[in-house]
Every structure is written in C-alpha cells, then in structure tokens.
Amino acid sequence: MDTIAVLLPCYNEAATIEKVVRDFRAALPEAVVYVYDNNSTDGTAEIASAAGAVVRHEPRQGKGNVIRAMFRDIDAQCYLMADGDDTYPAEHARDMVKMVLEGGADMVVGDRLSATYFTENKRPFHNTGNTTVRKLVNLFFKGDIKDIMTGYRAFSLEFVKSFPVLSRGFEIETEMSIHALDHNLCLKSLPIQYRDRPAGSESKLNTVQDGIKVLRTIFRLFRYYKPLLFFGLIAAAAFLVGFFMLLPVFIEYFATGLVPRFPTLFFGCFLMLFAFCSLICGLILDTQAQHHKQDAEIRRNIIAMMLRKEK
C-alpha cells in the first residue's frame, strides 16, 4: 500500500503533463504519481511515463470513469487528486495531505473560489456556473463548501473505498461533495491559488452541456439522498394546487347544492391523490436511504479496522 498516491486523470494534456508530474514529485517525493490516460491521442501517456509517473489506461471515456478505476485499483493511506492541465499548484499538496494523514479529514477541498479563481478564469459562464452549483448544493444539503466543483482534493482511504462513483463525466466532483455532506464525513477546505490553463492547453469542459449534467446530478442526488424532502416538496405543491382548485367548487356546492365544474373537481381530486402518493413514496424511500447510510457507516468501520491491523 502506498503512503500517498497522487492521482492525475488525463485526456490530451501533452502540453502540461510533464510539468505537472515533475511538480508533484518534487512537492511529495515519497508519493507515487499515477497518470490514468483516457484515450489521449497526443502522446500524453508517453510524456508522463518519461517524467516518472506510473501510467495506466482507462478506455471508458469520461472523468468519472477514470476516477472509478483509480479508486478501485490503487490502495493508499492518502490520495491526492489533481488535473493534468497545470491549473492547480503543487505547493499546496503537502498541506492537503497533512490534513488527511494528521488532521483526520476524510476529504480536503482545494478551494479556488476564495482565492484567485474569478480573476484567473477567463470564462464568465464558468464563474457563474460554479457559484450557482455551490449555492444549490449548500442549500439542498445544508453545507458550507466554498468550492463544489474543484478538481484538487485529498481523500482518506475510508472515503475512497466507500464512495460509490455513479457519474461518468465532470459531474464527479459535485457527486463527491454531496456524498461527503450527506454522510456527515469530516470535510475540510484549504484556499488554493488557481491559475488558468497555459497557452496551448485546451479545456475539455463544455460550459453548457457539462453544466446541464452537473445540475441534473444535483437534482438526481437530491432525490436519492433526500427522498422525503424531494417528494415532500412535490406533494406540497400538488396539494396546494389541488386545494385551491377544489375550494371554489366546494364553496359553490355548499351554497347551491350543485357541482357545475366536474373537470375541475376531478382534476383537483387527482392532484390530492397524487400528493398523497408522493408523500408515501418519500417516506418509503427515506427509510431505504437511512438503511444505505447505516450500511455505508459499517463499511467505513470495516475499512478503518483493516487499516489499523495493517499498521
């Protein structure tokens, strides 16, 4: 088992990967630097290998698929994940690793948004998207994470081996943040200096398409982790609409004994029934979600016990 594993998922990062590997090897000389090449066509894998990284290949396209393979294949006491585009300075690596190995953190978030991100990033829609995602996640999951979508993170062994990777693409960072909040893990942040991509390096992130995927991931995980609240809100909305549709019908009925608007009566009753069914679904799924949390806690305890035995 490695003490520290540096994880660098890469797709066509030939312009920067050599510098990134050398920087992290200098910052953490005791660490093993892993580069997982995701079908690059520009020689990224060969450059990384020559720079001293352990290179492996993941044929399934998408950052989420790469992270899934990394977490499954590599065993380490601490994992440090960054991008291969040289946007995350290696000088923060030591502090992030210490927060896991000595500070007991399950996940350390490299917080770009509290430092230089908004001045360095030249894509205004990315800035707006990061702010929107942060507010939504913190609202739905009652958190205070400063940077939801950062790719610079450190993890404990317990986090990595108990985290179920569901996403395939760039929405993986949002999924990690929500998982940590919902399972009450020890989550810490460290402000980092972010720098924009150097000349000759192109972003693989599509602002609109990947932004939509991230928003879909938030609402999907909100439904998965908070089913009672999710279906309760739907039930409340349906109940209110149905109530205000039925109210004038019943007022007229009690005043005249007549029901002249049967379509309104039927649709209002349907909404009331729909609200009741939604609430019941939320209660059932909430029970299942609690069981999943209990199972996850047991798995983390088993992993922690195994780790203590190895030490």
Foldseek 3Di string as FASTA:
>chain_A
DAAEEEEEEDAQQQVFQLVVLLQLCVQCVSYAYEYEYAPHDPCSQVSNVVSPHHYHYDPQDAPLSVLLVVLVPDDHQKYWYAYRQPFFGNNCVVVQSCCVPPVVAAKEAAAAQVACCVVQDPDVLVVVLQVVLQVLLCVLLVDDDRTQQHRTMMGGNLLSVLQDRDDGHSLRSNSSVNVCSLLVGRYHYDYGHGHDGDPPDDDPDDSPPVSVVNVVVSVVVSCQSQVQVNLLVLLVVLLVVLCVLCVVQVVVCVVPVDRPDVVSVVSSVVSNVSSVVSNVVSVVSNVVSVVVSVVSVVSSVVVVVVVVVVD
